[in-house]
Amino acid sequence: MSRKIAIGLLLASTIVLFGMYSCTKDVTVIIEPSLSSIPTNKTISFASDIVPIISKSCAMTGCHVTGGKSPDLSDGKAFGSLSSGGYLNIANPKSSKIYLSLTGKGGLLMPIGSVNNPSNLNNLILMWVQQGAKNN
């Protein structure tokens, strides 16, 4: 009888310990990107710096293309979709919808998949919006 009790206690303590240390997610911690990798005097060009990255990482079948999810980031439509769709906030760049999506603060982290998420994308977008989000 004492053997059954010992096994029962061992099993109960294992369950309690596992429950205390099981893997759960209560909070998502978002680390602000460092802008140190981009020179502060660099003018971010939408055509040269932003479009090539969003063409490769965002404007693909099933994602942000014509007939896909908003905004339409396909070539020739990206700037218009971002500027007229309320994705840019020049007065408060860190509250821009595009920046919130890229950092995970606006819901699902974009672009989906680490392969599609170049390390400089958040920094470039933030600096571009800080510089007035020009179609340059």
Protein backbone atom coordinates (compact mmCIF):
# COMPACT_ATOMS: atom_id res chain seq x y z
CA MET A 1 0.00 0.00 0.00
CA SER A 2 2.80 2.44 0.85
CA ARG A 3 4.37 1.76 -2.54
CA LYS A 4 1.17 2.96 -4.29
CA ILE A 5 1.13 6.08 -2.14
CA ALA A 6 4.80 6.83 -2.92
CA ILE A 7 4.20 6.38 -6.65
CA GLY A 8 1.09 8.57 -6.39
CA LEU A 9 3.00 11.31 -4.57
CA LEU A 10 5.84 11.13 -7.10
CA LEU A 11 3.39 11.38 -9.98
CA ALA A 12 1.51 14.28 -8.33
CA SER A 13 4.71 16.22 -7.63
CA THR A 14 5.88 15.69 -11.22
CA ILE A 15 2.59 17.06 -12.53
CA VAL A 16 2.81 20.08 -10.21
CA LEU A 17 6.42 20.78 -11.18
CA PHE A 18 5.65 20.38 -14.88
CA GLY A 19 2.67 22.71 -14.54
CA MET A 20 4.81 25.33 -12.84
CA TYR A 21 7.53 25.24 -15.49
CA SER A 22 5.56 24.46 -18.60
CA CYS A 23 5.99 26.62 -21.67
CA THR A 24 3.36 29.35 -21.88
CA LYS A 25 3.23 32.75 -23.52
CA ASP A 26 1.68 35.57 -21.56
CA VAL A 27 3.47 38.57 -23.04
CA THR A 28 5.14 39.35 -26.34
CA VAL A 29 8.27 41.39 -25.84
CA ILE A 30 9.10 43.66 -28.76
CA ILE A 31 12.58 45.09 -28.97
CA GLU A 32 12.85 48.41 -30.73
CA PRO A 33 15.23 48.22 -33.67
CA SER A 34 18.45 50.12 -33.51
CA LEU A 35 18.94 52.72 -36.19
CA SER A 36 22.69 52.64 -35.72
CA SER A 37 23.20 50.45 -38.78
CA ILE A 38 22.04 53.24 -41.10
CA PRO A 39 23.93 56.54 -41.25
CA THR A 40 21.76 59.33 -39.86
CA ASN A 41 22.60 61.62 -42.77
CA LYS A 42 21.46 59.08 -45.40
CA THR A 43 18.37 60.06 -47.34
CA ILE A 44 16.18 57.00 -47.71
CA SER A 45 14.90 56.65 -51.26
CA PHE A 46 11.56 54.94 -51.74
CA ALA A 47 12.52 53.75 -55.23
CA SER A 48 16.08 52.64 -54.42
CA ASP A 49 15.90 51.50 -50.79
CA ILE A 50 12.29 50.52 -50.01
CA VAL A 51 10.80 49.17 -53.26
CA PRO A 52 13.43 46.45 -53.85
CA ILE A 53 12.87 45.06 -50.35
CA ILE A 54 9.07 45.12 -50.44
CA SER A 55 9.09 43.67 -53.96
CA LYS A 56 11.09 40.70 -52.69
CA SER A 57 9.56 40.34 -49.21
CA CYS A 58 5.96 41.56 -49.44
CA ALA A 59 4.68 41.78 -53.02
CA MET A 60 4.35 38.10 -53.85
CA THR A 61 1.51 35.79 -54.79
CA GLY A 62 -1.02 35.53 -51.98
CA CYS A 63 0.34 38.51 -50.11
CA HIS A 64 0.39 42.24 -50.88
CA VAL A 65 -0.31 42.27 -54.62
CA THR A 66 -3.30 43.20 -56.77
CA GLY A 67 -6.18 41.00 -55.64
CA GLY A 68 -4.32 40.05 -52.44
CA LYS A 69 -4.18 41.61 -49.01
CA SER A 70 -4.08 45.37 -48.51
CA PRO A 71 -1.98 47.35 -49.08
CA ASP A 72 -1.10 46.52 -52.67
CA LEU A 73 2.70 46.72 -52.68
CA SER A 74 3.24 45.60 -56.25
CA ASP A 75 5.50 47.67 -58.48
CA GLY A 76 3.98 51.01 -59.39
CA LYS A 77 1.23 50.77 -56.74
CA ALA A 78 3.16 50.56 -53.47
CA PHE A 79 3.56 54.27 -52.75
CA GLY A 80 -0.05 55.12 -53.60
CA SER A 81 -1.39 52.25 -51.52
CA LEU A 82 0.71 53.18 -48.50
CA SER A 83 0.07 56.93 -48.66
CA SER A 84 -3.66 56.83 -49.44
CA GLY A 85 -4.45 53.79 -47.30
CA GLY A 86 -3.54 55.37 -43.97
CA TYR A 87 -0.38 53.29 -43.48
CA LEU A 88 1.91 56.27 -42.93
CA ASN A 89 1.94 58.74 -40.03
CA ILE A 90 4.55 61.39 -40.71
CA ALA A 91 3.72 63.26 -37.48
CA ASN A 92 4.40 60.13 -35.39
CA PRO A 93 6.38 57.64 -37.52
CA LYS A 94 6.49 54.90 -34.86
CA SER A 95 2.68 54.81 -34.90
CA SER A 96 2.52 54.29 -38.68
CA LYS A 97 0.53 51.16 -39.53
CA ILE A 98 3.34 49.88 -41.75
CA TYR A 99 5.90 50.24 -38.94
CA LEU A 100 3.58 48.63 -36.39
CA SER A 101 3.10 45.65 -38.72
CA LEU A 102 6.83 45.29 -39.29
CA THR A 103 7.60 45.31 -35.56
CA GLY A 104 4.71 43.03 -34.56
CA LYS A 105 2.93 45.76 -32.59
CA GLY A 106 0.08 45.96 -35.09
CA GLY A 107 -0.89 42.30 -35.01
CA LEU A 108 0.79 39.63 -37.08
CA LEU A 109 4.48 40.35 -37.64
CA MET A 110 5.20 41.22 -41.26
CA PRO A 111 6.68 40.06 -43.51
CA ILE A 112 5.82 36.51 -42.54
CA GLY A 113 8.82 34.21 -42.19
CA SER A 114 12.32 35.10 -41.13
CA VAL A 115 13.63 34.45 -44.64
CA ASN A 116 11.49 37.33 -45.93
CA ASN A 117 12.36 39.74 -43.11
CA PRO A 118 15.61 41.53 -43.89
CA SER A 119 17.16 42.98 -40.75
CA ASN A 120 17.24 46.52 -42.11
CA LEU A 121 13.60 46.69 -43.26
CA ASN A 122 12.19 48.15 -40.03
CA ASN A 123 14.97 50.71 -39.82
CA LEU A 124 14.63 51.79 -43.43
CA ILE A 125 10.86 52.17 -43.22
CA LEU A 126 11.05 54.11 -39.97
CA MET A 127 13.73 56.46 -41.31
CA TRP A 128 11.83 56.90 -44.57
CA VAL A 129 8.67 57.92 -42.71
CA GLN A 130 10.70 60.17 -40.37
CA GLN A 131 12.08 61.88 -43.47
CA GLY A 132 8.56 62.61 -44.72
CA ALA A 133 7.71 59.37 -46.62
CA LYS A 134 8.53 60.91 -49.98
CA ASN A 135 8.00 59.21 -53.32
CA ASN A 136 11.64 59.68 -54.25
